[in-house]
Structures are given as structure tokens and as C-alpha cells.
């Protein structure tokens, strides 16, 4: 196994970080799986390895990985010549997860504009919705510059650049901005 089976320090970190994520609104099992992947040198484990490490069923791992893949925090990788899949967390997982939120923000903005029209711009509800819309528009405007500052900061720190080759088109556009 690529991890230390009874490394209590590592296991303690996994559970503590998963708790922080859970307290922040992350579902519990995906938080545990994400923390476990993050704490392995390879960043890559099979469902069986994750189940053994976290003392849970393979079904729990499957659901957690589905969630992580959906929110762009992990990926599934097929093992050549095997039916086994590996689950991976990438070095730039936070960058890519945030960069991909543009589509969610776009949908939120469209829905908020509709909400303003439905409740009326002049109502208290309309004012709250308009403020929320302004916040999302602000985030959309600031996001490309913030991601660019992160890349510069990362270069200053000398953090390895192991960017996935298949960045989304939007992530590439944000980088170019």
C-alpha cells in the first residue's frame, strides 16, 4: 500500500482536516476521502486502499469519489490492464476547482436577475437579491486577477507546477486574462 497503514499522525491529520472541511459545509465522507488523498505522497489510491485507510465500505468510497469528481476536487483514472480505478487529487486541485466555478456563477447570476424581476427591484427582497447579484458579479470580475496572483505567488514559493493537461476552456480563458 502507498500509505502507512497505522501512521497515527497521518490518520489524525486526515480526520482533523476532514472535520474542518465538514464544519465548513463539505459532506463528511467526501471530506475524509479528499483529506486521505491529499495526505498520500502519490495523491492516488484505489477504492480498496481508501476503504482500508478510512475503515469504511467500498460503497462509501464510491459515493464520496463521485461527489469529489463532480466538484472537480478529484479524478478517476483507469489502471491499464486492470478493472481497478485509482482516484487522484491533483496538485492544482484548488486552483482548478475555483477556476471551474465560473459556470456556476454564471447560472447564479442569470437566476438572480430573474429573481429581481419576479419580486420587483423596489422591494426589500429585490434589494437583497440585487446585492447578492452584485457580489457574484464582483467575484466573476475579480477571479481572473486573483488566480493570476496565485500563479505568481506559487512561482515565488517555488511550488512545483504539475498542472493537468486538460484544463477546461474557461480555466484557460481565466489564465489568459
C-alpha atoms as a PDB file:
ATOM      1  CA  UNK A   1       0.000   0.000   0.000  1.00  0.00           C
ATOM      2  CA  UNK A   2       1.272   3.504  -0.788  1.00  0.00           C
ATOM      3  CA  UNK A   3       0.406   4.745   2.687  1.00  0.00           C
ATOM      4  CA  UNK A   4       1.460   3.821   6.162  1.00  0.00           C
ATOM      5  CA  UNK A   5      -1.282   1.556   7.494  1.00  0.00           C
ATOM      6  CA  UNK A   6      -1.037   2.642  11.111  1.00  0.00           C
ATOM      7  CA  UNK A   7       0.564   6.043  10.826  1.00  0.00           C
ATOM      8  CA  UNK A   8      -1.402   7.702  13.620  1.00  0.00           C
ATOM      9  CA  UNK A   9      -0.056  11.171  12.860  1.00  0.00           C
ATOM     10  CA  UNK A  10      -1.193  10.958   9.255  1.00  0.00           C
ATOM     11  CA  UNK A  11      -4.529   9.402  10.210  1.00  0.00           C
ATOM     12  CA  UNK A  12      -5.010  12.113  12.812  1.00  0.00           C
ATOM     13  CA  UNK A  13      -4.359  14.804  10.223  1.00  0.00           C
ATOM     14  CA  UNK A  14      -6.811  13.181   7.792  1.00  0.00           C
ATOM     15  CA  UNK A  15      -9.569  13.143  10.398  1.00  0.00           C
ATOM     16  CA  UNK A  16      -8.835  16.669  11.696  1.00  0.00           C
ATOM     17  CA  UNK A  17      -8.731  18.206   8.212  1.00  0.00           C
ATOM     18  CA  UNK A  18     -11.863  16.289   7.204  1.00  0.00           C
ATOM     19  CA  UNK A  19     -13.581  17.729  10.291  1.00  0.00           C
ATOM     20  CA  UNK A  20     -12.584  21.251   9.287  1.00  0.00           C
ATOM     21  CA  UNK A  21     -13.982  20.670   5.804  1.00  0.00           C
ATOM     22  CA  UNK A  22     -17.175  19.163   7.257  1.00  0.00           C
ATOM     23  CA  UNK A  23     -17.648  22.120   9.609  1.00  0.00           C
ATOM     24  CA  UNK A  24     -17.336  24.330   6.526  1.00  0.00           C
ATOM     25  CA  UNK A  25     -20.248  22.548   4.821  1.00  0.00           C
ATOM     26  CA  UNK A  26     -18.453  19.744   2.991  1.00  0.00           C
ATOM     27  CA  UNK A  27     -20.130  16.308   3.206  1.00  0.00           C
ATOM     28  CA  UNK A  28     -18.360  14.090   5.757  1.00  0.00           C
ATOM     29  CA  UNK A  29     -17.274  11.091   3.658  1.00  0.00           C
ATOM     30  CA  UNK A  30     -16.048  13.140   0.661  1.00  0.00           C
ATOM     31  CA  UNK A  31     -14.101  15.276   3.141  1.00  0.00           C
ATOM     32  CA  UNK A  32     -12.432  12.182   4.590  1.00  0.00           C
ATOM     33  CA  UNK A  33     -11.606  10.759   1.161  1.00  0.00           C
ATOM     34  CA  UNK A  34     -10.252  14.115  -0.047  1.00  0.00           C
ATOM     35  CA  UNK A  35      -8.085  14.513   3.072  1.00  0.00           C
ATOM     36  CA  UNK A  36      -6.779  10.943   2.683  1.00  0.00           C
ATOM     37  CA  UNK A  37      -5.846  11.513  -0.953  1.00  0.00           C
ATOM     38  CA  UNK A  38      -4.241  14.835  -0.083  1.00  0.00           C
ATOM     39  CA  UNK A  39      -2.122  13.181   2.629  1.00  0.00           C
ATOM     40  CA  UNK A  40      -0.632  10.475   0.389  1.00  0.00           C
ATOM     41  CA  UNK A  41       2.626  11.124  -1.417  1.00  0.00           C
ATOM     42  CA  UNK A  42       1.224   9.913  -4.719  1.00  0.00           C
ATOM     43  CA  UNK A  43      -2.138  11.649  -4.264  1.00  0.00           C
ATOM     44  CA  UNK A  44      -3.572   8.470  -5.788  1.00  0.00           C
ATOM     45  CA  UNK A  45      -5.307   5.497  -4.155  1.00  0.00           C
ATOM     46  CA  UNK A  46      -7.706   2.718  -5.105  1.00  0.00           C
ATOM     47  CA  UNK A  47     -11.135   2.295  -3.538  1.00  0.00           C
ATOM     48  CA  UNK A  48      -9.809  -0.696  -1.568  1.00  0.00           C
ATOM     49  CA  UNK A  49      -6.880   1.334  -0.223  1.00  0.00           C
ATOM     50  CA  UNK A  50      -9.166   4.206   0.755  1.00  0.00           C
ATOM     51  CA  UNK A  51     -11.660   1.840   2.386  1.00  0.00           C
ATOM     52  CA  UNK A  52      -8.890   0.192   4.420  1.00  0.00           C
ATOM     53  CA  UNK A  53      -7.343   3.505   5.412  1.00  0.00           C
ATOM     54  CA  UNK A  54     -10.629   5.078   6.472  1.00  0.00           C
ATOM     55  CA  UNK A  55     -12.207   1.874   7.849  1.00  0.00           C
ATOM     56  CA  UNK A  56     -15.309   2.216   5.676  1.00  0.00           C
ATOM     57  CA  UNK A  57     -17.040   0.208   2.978  1.00  0.00           C
ATOM     58  CA  UNK A  58     -16.135   0.436  -0.713  1.00  0.00           C
ATOM     59  CA  UNK A  59     -19.689   1.729  -1.323  1.00  0.00           C
ATOM     60  CA  UNK A  60     -18.975   4.713   0.931  1.00  0.00           C
ATOM     61  CA  UNK A  61     -15.824   5.398  -1.066  1.00  0.00           C
ATOM     62  CA  UNK A  62     -17.710   5.196  -4.366  1.00  0.00           C
ATOM     63  CA  UNK A  63     -20.264   7.808  -3.313  1.00  0.00           C
ATOM     64  CA  UNK A  64     -17.599  10.086  -1.873  1.00  0.00           C
ATOM     65  CA  UNK A  65     -15.469   9.896  -5.016  1.00  0.00           C
ATOM     66  CA  UNK A  66     -18.497  10.642  -7.199  1.00  0.00           C
ATOM     67  CA  UNK A  67     -19.023  13.822  -5.199  1.00  0.00           C
ATOM     68  CA  UNK A  68     -15.339  14.814  -5.401  1.00  0.00           C
ATOM     69  CA  UNK A  69     -15.248  14.236  -9.163  1.00  0.00           C
ATOM     70  CA  UNK A  70     -18.439  16.274  -9.565  1.00  0.00           C
ATOM     71  CA  UNK A  71     -16.923  19.279  -7.744  1.00  0.00           C
ATOM     72  CA  UNK A  72     -13.560  18.924  -9.566  1.00  0.00           C
ATOM     73  CA  UNK A  73     -11.546  18.019  -6.474  1.00  0.00           C
ATOM     74  CA  UNK A  74     -10.544  14.527  -7.639  1.00  0.00           C
ATOM     75  CA  UNK A  75     -10.486  12.402 -10.758  1.00  0.00           C
ATOM     76  CA  UNK A  76     -10.882   8.743 -11.641  1.00  0.00           C
ATOM     77  CA  UNK A  77      -8.091   7.025 -13.517  1.00  0.00           C
ATOM     78  CA  UNK A  78      -8.260   3.576 -15.056  1.00  0.00           C
ATOM     79  CA  UNK A  79      -5.381   1.227 -14.400  1.00  0.00           C
ATOM     80  CA  UNK A  80      -4.188  -0.193 -17.766  1.00  0.00           C
ATOM     81  CA  UNK A  81      -4.853  -3.918 -17.906  1.00  0.00           C
ATOM     82  CA  UNK A  82      -6.986  -3.864 -14.763  1.00  0.00           C
ATOM     83  CA  UNK A  83     -10.578  -3.221 -13.835  1.00  0.00           C
ATOM     84  CA  UNK A  84      -9.400  -1.241 -10.827  1.00  0.00           C
ATOM     85  CA  UNK A  85      -9.724   2.510 -10.790  1.00  0.00           C
ATOM     86  CA  UNK A  86      -7.437   4.870  -8.962  1.00  0.00           C
ATOM     87  CA  UNK A  87      -8.700   8.095  -7.500  1.00  0.00           C
ATOM     88  CA  UNK A  88      -6.406  11.087  -7.651  1.00  0.00           C
ATOM     89  CA  UNK A  89      -6.213  14.517  -6.153  1.00  0.00           C
ATOM     90  CA  UNK A  90      -4.091  16.842  -8.274  1.00  0.00           C
ATOM     91  CA  UNK A  91      -1.524  19.389  -7.163  1.00  0.00           C
ATOM     92  CA  UNK A  92      -3.552  22.280  -8.501  1.00  0.00           C
ATOM     93  CA  UNK A  93      -6.883  20.965  -7.334  1.00  0.00           C
ATOM     94  CA  UNK A  94      -7.998  24.166  -5.583  1.00  0.00           C
ATOM     95  CA  UNK A  95      -6.981  26.358  -8.500  1.00  0.00           C
ATOM     96  CA  UNK A  96      -8.909  24.215 -10.957  1.00  0.00           C
ATOM     97  CA  UNK A  97     -11.935  23.854  -8.683  1.00  0.00           C
ATOM     98  CA  UNK A  98     -12.182  27.618  -8.272  1.00  0.00           C
ATOM     99  CA  UNK A  99     -11.471  28.308 -11.939  1.00  0.00           C
ATOM    100  CA  UNK A 100     -14.289  25.980 -12.941  1.00  0.00           C
ATOM    101  CA  UNK A 101     -16.842  27.756 -10.738  1.00  0.00           C
ATOM    102  CA  UNK A 102     -17.434  30.341 -13.454  1.00  0.00           C
ATOM    103  CA  UNK A 103     -20.247  28.259 -14.941  1.00  0.00           C
ATOM    104  CA  UNK A 104     -21.938  28.017 -11.553  1.00  0.00           C
ATOM    105  CA  UNK A 105     -21.538  31.748 -11.041  1.00  0.00           C
ATOM    106  CA  UNK A 106     -22.989  32.445 -14.491  1.00  0.00           C
ATOM    107  CA  UNK A 107     -26.055  30.330 -13.690  1.00  0.00           C
ATOM    108  CA  UNK A 108     -26.448  32.027 -10.320  1.00  0.00           C
ATOM    109  CA  UNK A 109     -26.273  35.455 -11.944  1.00  0.00           C
ATOM    110  CA  UNK A 110     -28.937  34.542 -14.508  1.00  0.00           C
ATOM    111  CA  UNK A 111     -31.200  33.172 -11.806  1.00  0.00           C
ATOM    112  CA  UNK A 112     -30.663  36.212  -9.580  1.00  0.00           C
ATOM    113  CA  UNK A 113     -31.539  38.570 -12.436  1.00  0.00           C
ATOM    114  CA  UNK A 114     -34.746  36.608 -12.918  1.00  0.00           C
ATOM    115  CA  UNK A 115     -35.415  36.785  -9.170  1.00  0.00           C
ATOM    116  CA  UNK A 116     -35.104  40.566  -9.194  1.00  0.00           C
ATOM    117  CA  UNK A 117     -37.677  40.754 -11.967  1.00  0.00           C
ATOM    118  CA  UNK A 118     -40.020  38.348 -10.168  1.00  0.00           C
ATOM    119  CA  UNK A 119     -40.002  40.048  -6.755  1.00  0.00           C
ATOM    120  CA  UNK A 120     -39.534  43.588  -8.059  1.00  0.00           C
ATOM    121  CA  UNK A 121     -36.439  45.738  -7.909  1.00  0.00           C
ATOM    122  CA  UNK A 122     -38.111  48.176  -5.494  1.00  0.00           C
ATOM    123  CA  UNK A 123     -38.944  45.569  -2.822  1.00  0.00           C
ATOM    124  CA  UNK A 124     -36.783  44.586   0.167  1.00  0.00           C
ATOM    125  CA  UNK A 125     -36.394  41.122  -1.353  1.00  0.00           C
ATOM    126  CA  UNK A 126     -35.378  42.692  -4.668  1.00  0.00           C
ATOM    127  CA  UNK A 127     -32.742  44.785  -2.894  1.00  0.00           C
ATOM    128  CA  UNK A 128     -31.295  41.682  -1.161  1.00  0.00           C
ATOM    129  CA  UNK A 129     -31.256  39.742  -4.417  1.00  0.00           C
ATOM    130  CA  UNK A 130     -29.636  42.694  -6.219  1.00  0.00           C
ATOM    131  CA  UNK A 131     -26.919  42.854  -3.553  1.00  0.00           C
ATOM    132  CA  UNK A 132     -26.310  39.128  -3.966  1.00  0.00           C
ATOM    133  CA  UNK A 133     -26.115  39.590  -7.734  1.00  0.00           C
ATOM    134  CA  UNK A 134     -23.627  42.446  -7.300  1.00  0.00           C
ATOM    135  CA  UNK A 135     -21.482  40.188  -5.097  1.00  0.00           C
ATOM    136  CA  UNK A 136     -21.459  37.378  -7.697  1.00  0.00           C
ATOM    137  CA  UNK A 137     -20.603  39.879 -10.443  1.00  0.00           C
ATOM    138  CA  UNK A 138     -17.771  41.192  -8.273  1.00  0.00           C
ATOM    139  CA  UNK A 139     -16.423  37.663  -7.751  1.00  0.00           C
ATOM    140  CA  UNK A 140     -16.593  36.991 -11.510  1.00  0.00           C
ATOM    141  CA  UNK A 141     -14.655  40.192 -12.186  1.00  0.00           C
ATOM    142  CA  UNK A 142     -12.008  39.584  -9.519  1.00  0.00           C
ATOM    143  CA  UNK A 143     -11.478  35.862 -10.053  1.00  0.00           C
ATOM    144  CA  UNK A 144      -9.125  36.009 -13.065  1.00  0.00           C
ATOM    145  CA  UNK A 145      -6.815  38.530 -11.367  1.00  0.00           C
ATOM    146  CA  UNK A 146      -6.842  36.551  -8.126  1.00  0.00           C
ATOM    147  CA  UNK A 147      -5.900  33.347  -9.946  1.00  0.00           C
ATOM    148  CA  UNK A 148      -3.113  35.186 -11.748  1.00  0.00           C
ATOM    149  CA  UNK A 149      -1.785  36.494  -8.404  1.00  0.00           C
ATOM    150  CA  UNK A 150      -1.863  32.909  -7.079  1.00  0.00           C
ATOM    151  CA  UNK A 151       0.225  31.671 -10.030  1.00  0.00           C
ATOM    152  CA  UNK A 152       2.755  34.442  -9.382  1.00  0.00           C
ATOM    153  CA  UNK A 153       2.823  33.661  -5.649  1.00  0.00           C
ATOM    154  CA  UNK A 154       3.192  29.961  -6.376  1.00  0.00           C
ATOM    155  CA  UNK A 155       6.174  30.713  -8.615  1.00  0.00           C
ATOM    156  CA  UNK A 156       7.722  32.843  -5.836  1.00  0.00           C
ATOM    157  CA  UNK A 157       7.326  29.963  -3.402  1.00  0.00           C
ATOM    158  CA  UNK A 158       8.864  27.540  -5.902  1.00  0.00           C
ATOM    159  CA  UNK A 159       5.862  25.217  -5.745  1.00  0.00           C
ATOM    160  CA  UNK A 160       6.101  22.561  -8.455  1.00  0.00           C
ATOM    161  CA  UNK A 161       3.924  23.167 -11.486  1.00  0.00           C
ATOM    162  CA  UNK A 162       2.152  19.910 -12.227  1.00  0.00           C
ATOM    163  CA  UNK A 163      -0.882  21.351 -13.926  1.00  0.00           C
ATOM    164  CA  UNK A 164      -3.261  18.898 -15.583  1.00  0.00           C
ATOM    165  CA  UNK A 165      -3.035  18.992 -19.338  1.00  0.00           C
ATOM    166  CA  UNK A 166      -6.782  19.046 -19.780  1.00  0.00           C
ATOM    167  CA  UNK A 167      -7.742  22.339 -18.148  1.00  0.00           C
ATOM    168  CA  UNK A 168     -11.226  23.428 -19.011  1.00  0.00           C
ATOM    169  CA  UNK A 169     -11.625  26.033 -21.714  1.00  0.00           C
ATOM    170  CA  UNK A 170     -12.821  28.525 -19.099  1.00  0.00           C
ATOM    171  CA  UNK A 171      -9.786  27.921 -16.906  1.00  0.00           C
ATOM    172  CA  UNK A 172      -7.565  28.615 -19.914  1.00  0.00           C
ATOM    173  CA  UNK A 173      -9.503  31.815 -20.601  1.00  0.00           C
ATOM    174  CA  UNK A 174      -9.126  32.909 -16.977  1.00  0.00           C
ATOM    175  CA  UNK A 175      -5.374  32.249 -17.168  1.00  0.00           C
ATOM    176  CA  UNK A 176      -5.097  34.330 -20.340  1.00  0.00           C
ATOM    177  CA  UNK A 177      -6.986  37.281 -18.819  1.00  0.00           C
END
